[in-house]
Amino acid sequence: MLLLLASWLLLISPKRADAAELQTQTATQVQANLTLRAKVATLKVAQAGMPVQEAKLADFTVKVPGNPQMPALIRQLNAIAAKTDVEIDGVTPALPAGVVVASPNPHGCGG
């Protein structure tokens, strides 16, 4: 009986504590995995909507001037308008457009 009690205290009881610890670690890791799976699912949904968001961003980029000097230009235009009694209804920023220059008349006469 003493041998059985000694083997329980020295061999089996510590292993049960280790097993309990491993079960706790396993439960913690399972919960962490579930949390990560939920985050991955959320990110996949967000990724599916990226083309729509990119299109909105492109539209916004066109509407908002990328040049930080645009506010200064608008202030200058407003100041000039106030001095010359002109009313500015609006300013629509746009990308620079190419200018087509007519080639000179090779015959030298107006046309």
PDB file of N, CA and C in Angstrom:
ATOM      1  N   MET A   1       0.808  -1.184   0.000  1.00  0.00           N
ATOM      2  CA  MET A   1       0.000   0.000   0.000  1.00  0.00           C
ATOM      3  C   MET A   1       0.866   1.269   0.000  1.00  0.00           C
ATOM      4  N   LEU A   2       1.916   1.260   0.778  1.00  0.00           N
ATOM      5  CA  LEU A   2       2.840   2.386   0.834  1.00  0.00           C
ATOM      6  C   LEU A   2       3.503   2.604  -0.530  1.00  0.00           C
ATOM      7  N   LEU A   3       3.815   1.511  -1.207  1.00  0.00           N
ATOM      8  CA  LEU A   3       4.422   1.597  -2.539  1.00  0.00           C
ATOM      9  C   LEU A   3       3.445   2.233  -3.530  1.00  0.00           C
ATOM     10  N   LEU A   4       2.203   1.865  -3.420  1.00  0.00           N
ATOM     11  CA  LEU A   4       1.177   2.428  -4.289  1.00  0.00           C
ATOM     12  C   LEU A   4       1.007   3.926  -4.021  1.00  0.00           C
ATOM     13  N   LEU A   5       0.977   4.338  -2.802  1.00  0.00           N
ATOM     14  CA  LEU A   5       0.861   5.737  -2.431  1.00  0.00           C
ATOM     15  C   LEU A   5       2.090   6.528  -2.880  1.00  0.00           C
ATOM     16  N   ALA A   6       3.270   5.962  -2.708  1.00  0.00           N
ATOM     17  CA  ALA A   6       4.495   6.635  -3.134  1.00  0.00           C
ATOM     18  C   ALA A   6       4.517   6.788  -4.649  1.00  0.00           C
ATOM     19  N   SER A   7       4.125   5.757  -5.391  1.00  0.00           N
ATOM     20  CA  SER A   7       4.118   5.865  -6.858  1.00  0.00           C
ATOM     21  C   SER A   7       3.085   6.893  -7.315  1.00  0.00           C
ATOM     22  N   TRP A   8       1.957   6.980  -6.624  1.00  0.00           N
ATOM     23  CA  TRP A   8       0.949   7.989  -6.949  1.00  0.00           C
ATOM     24  C   TRP A   8       1.513   9.389  -6.746  1.00  0.00           C
ATOM     25  N   LEU A   9       2.145   9.632  -5.639  1.00  0.00           N
ATOM     26  CA  LEU A   9       2.668  10.953  -5.322  1.00  0.00           C
ATOM     27  C   LEU A   9       3.853  11.331  -6.208  1.00  0.00           C
ATOM     28  N   LEU A  10       4.674  10.364  -6.566  1.00  0.00           N
ATOM     29  CA  LEU A  10       5.895  10.676  -7.307  1.00  0.00           C
ATOM     30  C   LEU A  10       5.723  10.596  -8.821  1.00  0.00           C
ATOM     31  N   LEU A  11       4.845   9.748  -9.309  1.00  0.00           N
ATOM     32  CA  LEU A  11       4.755   9.544 -10.749  1.00  0.00           C
ATOM     33  C   LEU A  11       3.453  10.045 -11.352  1.00  0.00           C
ATOM     34  N   ILE A  12       2.341   9.617 -10.827  1.00  0.00           N
ATOM     35  CA  ILE A  12       1.060   9.883 -11.475  1.00  0.00           C
ATOM     36  C   ILE A  12       0.572  11.299 -11.208  1.00  0.00           C
ATOM     37  N   SER A  13       0.644  11.768 -10.005  1.00  0.00           N
ATOM     38  CA  SER A  13       0.140  13.092  -9.667  1.00  0.00           C
ATOM     39  C   SER A  13       0.827  14.203 -10.461  1.00  0.00           C
ATOM     40  N   PRO A  14       2.158  14.210 -10.605  1.00  0.00           N
ATOM     41  CA  PRO A  14       2.798  15.264 -11.422  1.00  0.00           C
ATOM     42  C   PRO A  14       2.377  15.194 -12.887  1.00  0.00           C
ATOM     43  N   LYS A  15       2.175  13.982 -13.405  1.00  0.00           N
ATOM     44  CA  LYS A  15       1.759  13.843 -14.804  1.00  0.00           C
ATOM     45  C   LYS A  15       0.342  14.368 -15.004  1.00  0.00           C
ATOM     46  N   ARG A  16      -0.505  14.208 -14.011  1.00  0.00           N
ATOM     47  CA  ARG A  16      -1.866  14.740 -14.102  1.00  0.00           C
ATOM     48  C   ARG A  16      -1.833  16.271 -14.129  1.00  0.00           C
ATOM     49  N   ALA A  17      -0.939  16.853 -13.352  1.00  0.00           N
ATOM     50  CA  ALA A  17      -0.803  18.317 -13.358  1.00  0.00           C
ATOM     51  C   ALA A  17      -0.301  18.790 -14.719  1.00  0.00           C
ATOM     52  N   ASP A  18       0.660  18.043 -15.287  1.00  0.00           N
ATOM     53  CA  ASP A  18       1.154  18.379 -16.623  1.00  0.00           C
ATOM     54  C   ASP A  18       0.040  18.259 -17.653  1.00  0.00           C
ATOM     55  N   ALA A  19      -0.764  17.211 -17.533  1.00  0.00           N
ATOM     56  CA  ALA A  19      -1.874  17.004 -18.463  1.00  0.00           C
ATOM     57  C   ALA A  19      -2.888  18.137 -18.346  1.00  0.00           C
ATOM     58  N   ALA A  20      -3.172  18.570 -17.131  1.00  0.00           N
ATOM     59  CA  ALA A  20      -4.102  19.686 -16.932  1.00  0.00           C
ATOM     60  C   ALA A  20      -3.554  20.964 -17.552  1.00  0.00           C
ATOM     61  N   GLU A  21      -2.266  21.179 -17.384  1.00  0.00           N
ATOM     62  CA  GLU A  21      -1.624  22.361 -17.980  1.00  0.00           C
ATOM     63  C   GLU A  21      -1.712  22.307 -19.503  1.00  0.00           C
ATOM     64  N   LEU A  22      -1.456  21.136 -20.072  1.00  0.00           N
ATOM     65  CA  LEU A  22      -1.535  20.987 -21.527  1.00  0.00           C
ATOM     66  C   LEU A  22      -2.961  21.192 -22.028  1.00  0.00           C
ATOM     67  N   GLN A  23      -3.940  20.747 -21.263  1.00  0.00           N
ATOM     68  CA  GLN A  23      -5.332  20.964 -21.656  1.00  0.00           C
ATOM     69  C   GLN A  23      -5.669  22.458 -21.647  1.00  0.00           C
ATOM     70  N   THR A  24      -5.147  23.164 -20.671  1.00  0.00           N
ATOM     71  CA  THR A  24      -5.362  24.615 -20.611  1.00  0.00           C
ATOM     72  C   THR A  24      -4.703  25.303 -21.800  1.00  0.00           C
ATOM     73  N   GLN A  25      -3.476  24.903 -22.110  1.00  0.00           N
ATOM     74  CA  GLN A  25      -2.772  25.480 -23.259  1.00  0.00           C
ATOM     75  C   GLN A  25      -3.507  25.166 -24.552  1.00  0.00           C
ATOM     76  N   THR A  26      -4.024  23.942 -24.655  1.00  0.00           N
ATOM     77  CA  THR A  26      -4.761  23.553 -25.862  1.00  0.00           C
ATOM     78  C   THR A  26      -6.018  24.398 -26.012  1.00  0.00           C
ATOM     79  N   ALA A  27      -6.746  24.599 -24.932  1.00  0.00           N
ATOM     80  CA  ALA A  27      -7.962  25.407 -24.989  1.00  0.00           C
ATOM     81  C   ALA A  27      -7.639  26.849 -25.371  1.00  0.00           C
ATOM     82  N   THR A  28      -6.556  27.376 -24.821  1.00  0.00           N
ATOM     83  CA  THR A  28      -6.141  28.739 -25.158  1.00  0.00           C
ATOM     84  C   THR A  28      -5.778  28.845 -26.634  1.00  0.00           C
ATOM     85  N   GLN A  29      -5.053  27.856 -27.141  1.00  0.00           N
ATOM     86  CA  GLN A  29      -4.643  27.883 -28.548  1.00  0.00           C
ATOM     87  C   GLN A  29      -5.841  27.714 -29.481  1.00  0.00           C
ATOM     88  N   VAL A  30      -6.793  26.869 -29.092  1.00  0.00           N
ATOM     89  CA  VAL A  30      -8.005  26.698 -29.903  1.00  0.00           C
ATOM     90  C   VAL A  30      -8.759  28.018 -29.987  1.00  0.00           C
ATOM     91  N   GLN A  31      -8.865  28.722 -28.885  1.00  0.00           N
ATOM     92  CA  GLN A  31      -9.544  30.016 -28.882  1.00  0.00           C
ATOM     93  C   GLN A  31      -8.798  31.025 -29.759  1.00  0.00           C
ATOM     94  N   ALA A  32      -7.474  31.034 -29.668  1.00  0.00           N
ATOM     95  CA  ALA A  32      -6.676  31.937 -30.508  1.00  0.00           C
ATOM     96  C   ALA A  32      -6.870  31.603 -31.982  1.00  0.00           C
ATOM     97  N   ASN A  33      -6.921  30.323 -32.309  1.00  0.00           N
ATOM     98  CA  ASN A  33      -7.139  29.919 -33.702  1.00  0.00           C
ATOM     99  C   ASN A  33      -8.512  30.370 -34.199  1.00  0.00           C
ATOM    100  N   LEU A  34      -9.536  30.229 -33.355  1.00  0.00           N
ATOM    101  CA  LEU A  34     -10.877  30.672 -33.741  1.00  0.00           C
ATOM    102  C   LEU A  34     -10.901  32.180 -33.986  1.00  0.00           C
ATOM    103  N   THR A  35     -10.219  32.922 -33.126  1.00  0.00           N
ATOM    104  CA  THR A  35     -10.152  34.376 -33.292  1.00  0.00           C
ATOM    105  C   THR A  35      -9.456  34.737 -34.603  1.00  0.00           C
ATOM    106  N   LEU A  36      -8.352  34.058 -34.891  1.00  0.00           N
ATOM    107  CA  LEU A  36      -7.634  34.336 -36.136  1.00  0.00           C
ATOM    108  C   LEU A  36      -8.458  33.959 -37.354  1.00  0.00           C
ATOM    109  N   ARG A  37      -9.199  32.849 -37.274  1.00  0.00           N
ATOM    110  CA  ARG A  37     -10.054  32.459 -38.399  1.00  0.00           C
ATOM    111  C   ARG A  37     -11.131  33.512 -38.652  1.00  0.00           C
ATOM    112  N   ALA A  38     -11.685  34.052 -37.576  1.00  0.00           N
ATOM    113  CA  ALA A  38     -12.689  35.106 -37.725  1.00  0.00           C
ATOM    114  C   ALA A  38     -12.072  36.353 -38.361  1.00  0.00           C
ATOM    115  N   LYS A  39     -10.862  36.704 -37.960  1.00  0.00           N
ATOM    116  CA  LYS A  39     -10.185  37.861 -38.557  1.00  0.00           C
ATOM    117  C   LYS A  39      -9.891  37.621 -40.033  1.00  0.00           C
ATOM    118  N   VAL A  40      -9.453  36.406 -40.374  1.00  0.00           N
ATOM    119  CA  VAL A  40      -9.176  36.073 -41.776  1.00  0.00           C
ATOM    120  C   VAL A  40     -10.459  36.176 -42.597  1.00  0.00           C
ATOM    121  N   ALA A  41     -11.571  35.685 -42.057  1.00  0.00           N
ATOM    122  CA  ALA A  41     -12.846  35.778 -42.771  1.00  0.00           C
ATOM    123  C   ALA A  41     -13.239  37.241 -42.991  1.00  0.00           C
ATOM    124  N   THR A  42     -13.035  38.067 -41.973  1.00  0.00           N
ATOM    125  CA  THR A  42     -13.343  39.495 -42.102  1.00  0.00           C
ATOM    126  C   THR A  42     -12.458  40.147 -43.162  1.00  0.00           C
ATOM    127  N   LEU A  43     -11.184  39.792 -43.173  1.00  0.00           N
ATOM    128  CA  LEU A  43     -10.263  40.357 -44.162  1.00  0.00           C
ATOM    129  C   LEU A  43     -10.602  39.893 -45.577  1.00  0.00           C
ATOM    130  N   LYS A  44     -11.069  38.661 -45.719  1.00  0.00           N
ATOM    131  CA  LYS A  44     -11.461  38.180 -47.051  1.00  0.00           C
ATOM    132  C   LYS A  44     -12.666  38.947 -47.570  1.00  0.00           C
ATOM    133  N   VAL A  45     -13.607  39.253 -46.688  1.00  0.00           N
ATOM    134  CA  VAL A  45     -14.770  40.056 -47.089  1.00  0.00           C
ATOM    135  C   VAL A  45     -14.303  41.452 -47.501  1.00  0.00           C
ATOM    136  N   ALA A  46     -13.401  42.024 -46.706  1.00  0.00           N
ATOM    137  CA  ALA A  46     -12.876  43.356 -47.029  1.00  0.00           C
ATOM    138  C   ALA A  46     -12.113  43.332 -48.349  1.00  0.00           C
ATOM    139  N   GLN A  47     -11.365  42.261 -48.575  1.00  0.00           N
ATOM    140  CA  GLN A  47     -10.600  42.148 -49.817  1.00  0.00           C
ATOM    141  C   GLN A  47     -11.534  42.066 -51.023  1.00  0.00           C
ATOM    142  N   ALA A  48     -12.650  41.384 -50.858  1.00  0.00           N
ATOM    143  CA  ALA A  48     -13.607  41.272 -51.960  1.00  0.00           C
ATOM    144  C   ALA A  48     -14.171  42.642 -52.334  1.00  0.00           C
ATOM    145  N   GLY A  49     -14.273  43.538 -51.365  1.00  0.00           N
ATOM    146  CA  GLY A  49     -14.788  44.876 -51.628  1.00  0.00           C
ATOM    147  C   GLY A  49     -13.731  45.876 -52.038  1.00  0.00           C
ATOM    148  N   MET A  50     -12.489  45.466 -52.158  1.00  0.00           N
ATOM    149  CA  MET A  50     -11.398  46.395 -52.494  1.00  0.00           C
ATOM    150  C   MET A  50     -11.581  47.085 -53.842  1.00  0.00           C
ATOM    151  N   PRO A  51     -12.015  46.396 -54.900  1.00  0.00           N
ATOM    152  CA  PRO A  51     -12.184  47.120 -56.169  1.00  0.00           C
ATOM    153  C   PRO A  51     -13.155  48.290 -56.055  1.00  0.00           C
ATOM    154  N   VAL A  52     -14.215  48.121 -55.295  1.00  0.00           N
ATOM    155  CA  VAL A  52     -15.172  49.217 -55.106  1.00  0.00           C
ATOM    156  C   VAL A  52     -14.503  50.363 -54.353  1.00  0.00           C
ATOM    157  N   GLN A  53     -13.760  50.037 -53.305  1.00  0.00           N
ATOM    158  CA  GLN A  53     -13.073  51.071 -52.530  1.00  0.00           C
ATOM    159  C   GLN A  53     -12.011  51.775 -53.374  1.00  0.00           C
ATOM    160  N   GLU A  54     -11.306  51.003 -54.211  1.00  0.00           N
ATOM    161  CA  GLU A  54     -10.285  51.619 -55.070  1.00  0.00           C
ATOM    162  C   GLU A  54     -10.934  52.562 -56.074  1.00  0.00           C
ATOM    163  N   ALA A  55     -12.100  52.193 -56.594  1.00  0.00           N
ATOM    164  CA  ALA A  55     -12.804  53.071 -57.529  1.00  0.00           C
ATOM    165  C   ALA A  55     -13.241  54.358 -56.825  1.00  0.00           C
ATOM    166  N   LYS A  56     -13.735  54.227 -55.589  1.00  0.00           N
ATOM    167  CA  LYS A  56     -14.117  55.424 -54.827  1.00  0.00           C
ATOM    168  C   LYS A  56     -12.908  56.316 -54.582  1.00  0.00           C
ATOM    169  N   LEU A  57     -11.783  55.701 -54.257  1.00  0.00           N
ATOM    170  CA  LEU A  57     -10.567  56.468 -54.004  1.00  0.00           C
ATOM    171  C   LEU A  57     -10.107  57.183 -55.272  1.00  0.00           C
ATOM    172  N   ALA A  58     -10.184  56.490 -56.398  1.00  0.00           N
ATOM    173  CA  ALA A  58      -9.798  57.122 -57.667  1.00  0.00           C
ATOM    174  C   ALA A  58     -10.699  58.313 -57.963  1.00  0.00           C
ATOM    175  N   ASP A  59     -12.003  58.162 -57.728  1.00  0.00           N
ATOM    176  CA  ASP A  59     -12.944  59.256 -57.951  1.00  0.00           C
ATOM    177  C   ASP A  59     -12.642  60.418 -57.014  1.00  0.00           C
ATOM    178  N   PHE A  60     -12.350  60.107 -55.766  1.00  0.00           N
ATOM    179  CA  PHE A  60     -12.019  61.137 -54.791  1.00  0.00           C
ATOM    180  C   PHE A  60     -10.728  61.853 -55.167  1.00  0.00           C
ATOM    181  N   THR A  61      -9.753  61.090 -55.648  1.00  0.00           N
ATOM    182  CA  THR A  61      -8.468  61.670 -56.033  1.00  0.00           C
ATOM    183  C   THR A  61      -8.641  62.673 -57.162  1.00  0.00           C
ATOM    184  N   VAL A  62      -9.578  62.392 -58.074  1.00  0.00           N
ATOM    185  CA  VAL A  62      -9.833  63.322 -59.171  1.00  0.00           C
ATOM    186  C   VAL A  62     -10.486  64.594 -58.639  1.00  0.00           C
ATOM    187  N   LYS A  63     -11.368  64.446 -57.665  1.00  0.00           N
ATOM    188  CA  LYS A  63     -12.109  65.603 -57.160  1.00  0.00           C
ATOM    189  C   LYS A  63     -11.292  66.477 -56.211  1.00  0.00           C
ATOM    190  N   VAL A  64     -10.368  65.888 -55.500  1.00  0.00           N
ATOM    191  CA  VAL A  64      -9.559  66.640 -54.539  1.00  0.00           C
ATOM    192  C   VAL A  64      -8.199  66.912 -55.169  1.00  0.00           C
ATOM    193  N   PRO A  65      -7.801  68.148 -55.207  1.00  0.00           N
ATOM    194  CA  PRO A  65      -6.523  68.455 -55.842  1.00  0.00           C
ATOM    195  C   PRO A  65      -5.357  67.800 -55.110  1.00  0.00           C
ATOM    196  N   GLY A  66      -4.475  67.228 -55.889  1.00  0.00           N
ATOM    197  CA  GLY A  66      -3.289  66.619 -55.311  1.00  0.00           C
ATOM    198  C   GLY A  66      -2.197  67.642 -55.077  1.00  0.00           C
ATOM    199  N   ASN A  67      -2.379  68.800 -55.673  1.00  0.00           N
ATOM    200  CA  ASN A  67      -1.390  69.854 -55.571  1.00  0.00           C
ATOM    201  C   ASN A  67      -1.720  70.729 -54.368  1.00  0.00           C
ATOM    202  N   PRO A  68      -0.835  70.827 -53.395  1.00  0.00           N
ATOM    203  CA  PRO A  68      -1.129  71.632 -52.210  1.00  0.00           C
ATOM    204  C   PRO A  68      -1.219  73.126 -52.508  1.00  0.00           C
ATOM    205  N   GLN A  69      -0.883  73.556 -53.725  1.00  0.00           N
ATOM    206  CA  GLN A  69      -0.962  74.976 -54.050  1.00  0.00           C
ATOM    207  C   GLN A  69      -2.357  75.374 -54.526  1.00  0.00           C
ATOM    208  N   MET A  70      -3.252  74.398 -54.710  1.00  0.00           N
ATOM    209  CA  MET A  70      -4.595  74.715 -55.176  1.00  0.00           C
ATOM    210  C   MET A  70      -5.322  75.675 -54.226  1.00  0.00           C
ATOM    211  N   PRO A  71      -5.280  75.490 -52.917  1.00  0.00           N
ATOM    212  CA  PRO A  71      -5.951  76.466 -52.040  1.00  0.00           C
ATOM    213  C   PRO A  71      -5.388  77.875 -52.209  1.00  0.00           C
ATOM    214  N   ALA A  72      -4.099  77.988 -52.389  1.00  0.00           N
ATOM    215  CA  ALA A  72      -3.491  79.315 -52.582  1.00  0.00           C
ATOM    216  C   ALA A  72      -3.989  79.929 -53.888  1.00  0.00           C
ATOM    217  N   LEU A  73      -4.102  79.117 -54.929  1.00  0.00           N
ATOM    218  CA  LEU A  73      -4.606  79.618 -56.213  1.00  0.00           C
ATOM    219  C   LEU A  73      -6.048  80.111 -56.062  1.00  0.00           C
ATOM    220  N   ILE A  74      -6.854  79.358 -55.343  1.00  0.00           N
ATOM    221  CA  ILE A  74      -8.251  79.769 -55.149  1.00  0.00           C
ATOM    222  C   ILE A  74      -8.318  81.066 -54.357  1.00  0.00           C
ATOM    223  N   ARG A  75      -7.475  81.214 -53.338  1.00  0.00           N
ATOM    224  CA  ARG A  75      -7.454  82.473 -52.578  1.00  0.00           C
ATOM    225  C   ARG A  75      -7.039  83.636 -53.486  1.00  0.00           C
ATOM    226  N   GLN A  76      -6.054  83.417 -54.337  1.00  0.00           N
ATOM    227  CA  GLN A  76      -5.624  84.472 -55.262  1.00  0.00           C
ATOM    228  C   GLN A  76      -6.745  84.844 -56.224  1.00  0.00           C
ATOM    229  N   LEU A  77      -7.423  83.833 -56.754  1.00  0.00           N
ATOM    230  CA  LEU A  77      -8.534  84.116 -57.673  1.00  0.00           C
ATOM    231  C   LEU A  77      -9.645  84.889 -56.960  1.00  0.00           C
ATOM    232  N   ASN A  78      -9.945  84.529 -55.740  1.00  0.00           N
ATOM    233  CA  ASN A  78     -10.972  85.248 -54.985  1.00  0.00           C
ATOM    234  C   ASN A  78     -10.553  86.690 -54.713  1.00  0.00           C
ATOM    235  N   ALA A  79      -9.284  86.892 -54.403  1.00  0.00           N
ATOM    236  CA  ALA A  79      -8.795  88.255 -54.158  1.00  0.00           C
ATOM    237  C   ALA A  79      -8.883  89.095 -55.422  1.00  0.00           C
ATOM    238  N   ILE A  80      -8.475  88.522 -56.533  1.00  0.00           N
ATOM    239  CA  ILE A  80      -8.546  89.254 -57.805  1.00  0.00           C
ATOM    240  C   ILE A  80      -9.995  89.535 -58.176  1.00  0.00           C
ATOM    241  N   ALA A  81     -10.860  88.538 -57.940  1.00  0.00           N
ATOM    242  CA  ALA A  81     -12.279  88.724 -58.258  1.00  0.00           C
ATOM    243  C   ALA A  81     -12.881  89.838 -57.423  1.00  0.00           C
ATOM    244  N   ALA A  82     -12.512  89.900 -56.143  1.00  0.00           N
ATOM    245  CA  ALA A  82     -13.046  90.950 -55.269  1.00  0.00           C
ATOM    246  C   ALA A  82     -12.580  92.335 -55.725  1.00  0.00           C
ATOM    247  N   LYS A  83     -11.327  92.439 -56.169  1.00  0.00           N
ATOM    248  CA  LYS A  83     -10.796  93.735 -56.616  1.00  0.00           C
ATOM    249  C   LYS A  83     -11.419  94.188 -57.927  1.00  0.00           C
ATOM    250  N   THR A  84     -11.801  93.265 -58.765  1.00  0.00           N
ATOM    251  CA  THR A  84     -12.297  93.618 -60.098  1.00  0.00           C
ATOM    252  C   THR A  84     -13.809  93.495 -60.203  1.00  0.00           C
ATOM    253  N   ASP A  85     -14.465  93.314 -59.064  1.00  0.00           N
ATOM    254  CA  ASP A  85     -15.924  93.201 -59.022  1.00  0.00           C
ATOM    255  C   ASP A  85     -16.429  92.061 -59.916  1.00  0.00           C
ATOM    256  N   VAL A  86     -15.737  90.941 -59.816  1.00  0.00           N
ATOM    257  CA  VAL A  86     -16.116  89.746 -60.565  1.00  0.00           C
ATOM    258  C   VAL A  86     -16.534  88.688 -59.545  1.00  0.00           C
ATOM    259  N   GLU A  87     -17.524  87.910 -59.908  1.00  0.00           N
ATOM    260  CA  GLU A  87     -17.983  86.836 -59.031  1.00  0.00           C
ATOM    261  C   GLU A  87     -17.581  85.498 -59.631  1.00  0.00           C
ATOM    262  N   ILE A  88     -16.864  84.694 -58.852  1.00  0.00           N
ATOM    263  CA  ILE A  88     -16.461  83.356 -59.307  1.00  0.00           C
ATOM    264  C   ILE A  88     -17.515  82.380 -58.815  1.00  0.00           C
ATOM    265  N   ASP A  89     -18.123  81.677 -59.753  1.00  0.00           N
ATOM    266  CA  ASP A  89     -19.167  80.712 -59.393  1.00  0.00           C
ATOM    267  C   ASP A  89     -18.580  79.393 -58.921  1.00  0.00           C
ATOM    268  N   GLY A  90     -17.438  79.029 -59.422  1.00  0.00           N
ATOM    269  CA  GLY A  90     -16.845  77.758 -59.015  1.00  0.00           C
ATOM    270  C   GLY A  90     -15.555  77.502 -59.749  1.00  0.00           C
ATOM    271  N   VAL A  91     -14.791  76.600 -59.200  1.00  0.00           N
ATOM    272  CA  VAL A  91     -13.526  76.188 -59.802  1.00  0.00           C
ATOM    273  C   VAL A  91     -13.561  74.667 -59.868  1.00  0.00           C
ATOM    274  N   THR A  92     -13.277  74.140 -61.046  1.00  0.00           N
ATOM    275  CA  THR A  92     -13.252  72.687 -61.211  1.00  0.00           C
ATOM    276  C   THR A  92     -11.842  72.267 -61.581  1.00  0.00           C
ATOM    277  N   PRO A  93     -11.121  71.728 -60.622  1.00  0.00           N
ATOM    278  CA  PRO A  93      -9.763  71.279 -60.942  1.00  0.00           C
ATOM    279  C   PRO A  93      -9.829  70.064 -61.868  1.00  0.00           C
ATOM    280  N   ALA A  94      -8.888  70.002 -62.767  1.00  0.00           N
ATOM    281  CA  ALA A  94      -8.818  68.865 -63.684  1.00  0.00           C
ATOM    282  C   ALA A  94      -7.355  68.596 -63.998  1.00  0.00           C
ATOM    283  N   LEU A  95      -7.126  67.444 -64.538  1.00  0.00           N
ATOM    284  CA  LEU A  95      -5.766  67.116 -64.958  1.00  0.00           C
ATOM    285  C   LEU A  95      -5.374  68.011 -66.119  1.00  0.00           C
ATOM    286  N   PRO A  96      -4.116  68.339 -66.243  1.00  0.00           N
ATOM    287  CA  PRO A  96      -3.689  69.185 -67.355  1.00  0.00           C
ATOM    288  C   PRO A  96      -4.012  68.517 -68.686  1.00  0.00           C
ATOM    289  N   ALA A  97      -4.478  69.327 -69.611  1.00  0.00           N
ATOM    290  CA  ALA A  97      -4.805  68.814 -70.940  1.00  0.00           C
ATOM    291  C   ALA A  97      -3.736  69.284 -71.915  1.00  0.00           C
ATOM    292  N   GLY A  98      -3.473  68.465 -72.875  1.00  0.00           N
ATOM    293  CA  GLY A  98      -2.493  68.832 -73.888  1.00  0.00           C
ATOM    294  C   GLY A  98      -3.033  69.938 -74.787  1.00  0.00           C
ATOM    295  N   VAL A  99      -2.145  70.746 -75.285  1.00  0.00           N
ATOM    296  CA  VAL A  99      -2.524  71.832 -76.184  1.00  0.00           C
ATOM    297  C   VAL A  99      -2.097  71.454 -77.581  1.00  0.00           C
ATOM    298  N   VAL A 100      -3.029  71.577 -78.516  1.00  0.00           N
ATOM    299  CA  VAL A 100      -2.712  71.281 -79.906  1.00  0.00           C
ATOM    300  C   VAL A 100      -2.298  72.592 -80.566  1.00  0.00           C
ATOM    301  N   VAL A 101      -1.102  72.608 -81.071  1.00  0.00           N
ATOM    302  CA  VAL A 101      -0.583  73.808 -81.732  1.00  0.00           C
ATOM    303  C   VAL A 101      -0.657  73.567 -83.227  1.00  0.00           C
ATOM    304  N   ALA A 102      -1.292  74.494 -83.900  1.00  0.00           N
ATOM    305  CA  ALA A 102      -1.410  74.364 -85.360  1.00  0.00           C
ATOM    306  C   ALA A 102      -0.059  74.568 -85.996  1.00  0.00           C
ATOM    307  N   SER A 103       0.226  73.759 -86.973  1.00  0.00           N
ATOM    308  CA  SER A 103       1.490  73.917 -87.667  1.00  0.00           C
ATOM    309  C   SER A 103       1.431  75.167 -88.548  1.00  0.00           C
ATOM    310  N   PRO A 104       2.546  75.862 -88.677  1.00  0.00           N
ATOM    311  CA  PRO A 104       2.539  77.093 -89.480  1.00  0.00           C
ATOM    312  C   PRO A 104       2.261  76.762 -90.945  1.00  0.00           C
ATOM    313  N   ASN A 105       1.645  77.723 -91.603  1.00  0.00           N
ATOM    314  CA  ASN A 105       1.331  77.555 -93.019  1.00  0.00           C
ATOM    315  C   ASN A 105       2.642  77.553 -93.797  1.00  0.00           C
ATOM    316  N   PRO A 106       2.919  76.484 -94.525  1.00  0.00           N
ATOM    317  CA  PRO A 106       4.193  76.427 -95.229  1.00  0.00           C
ATOM    318  C   PRO A 106       4.325  77.468 -96.338  1.00  0.00           C
ATOM    319  N   HIS A 107       3.215  78.036 -96.797  1.00  0.00           N
ATOM    320  CA  HIS A 107       3.277  79.014 -97.875  1.00  0.00           C
ATOM    321  C   HIS A 107       3.409  80.444 -97.376  1.00  0.00           C
ATOM    322  N   GLY A 108       3.365  80.623 -96.061  1.00  0.00           N
ATOM    323  CA  GLY A 108       3.558  81.948 -95.510  1.00  0.00           C
ATOM    324  C   GLY A 108       2.388  82.864 -95.614  1.00  0.00           C
ATOM    325  N   CYS A 109       1.237  82.401 -96.028  1.00  0.00           N
ATOM    326  CA  CYS A 109       0.085  83.273 -96.092  1.00  0.00           C
ATOM    327  C   CYS A 109      -0.941  82.885 -95.051  1.00  0.00           C
ATOM    328  N   GLY A 110      -1.728  83.838 -94.622  1.00  0.00           N
ATOM    329  CA  GLY A 110      -2.773  83.581 -93.648  1.00  0.00           C
ATOM    330  C   GLY A 110      -3.871  82.752 -94.273  1.00  0.00           C
ATOM    331  N   GLY A 111      -4.572  82.057 -93.409  1.00  0.00           N
ATOM    332  CA  GLY A 111      -5.441  81.171 -94.067  1.00  0.00           C
ATOM    333  C   GLY A 111      -6.778  81.092 -93.755  1.00  0.00           C
TER     334      GLY A 111
END
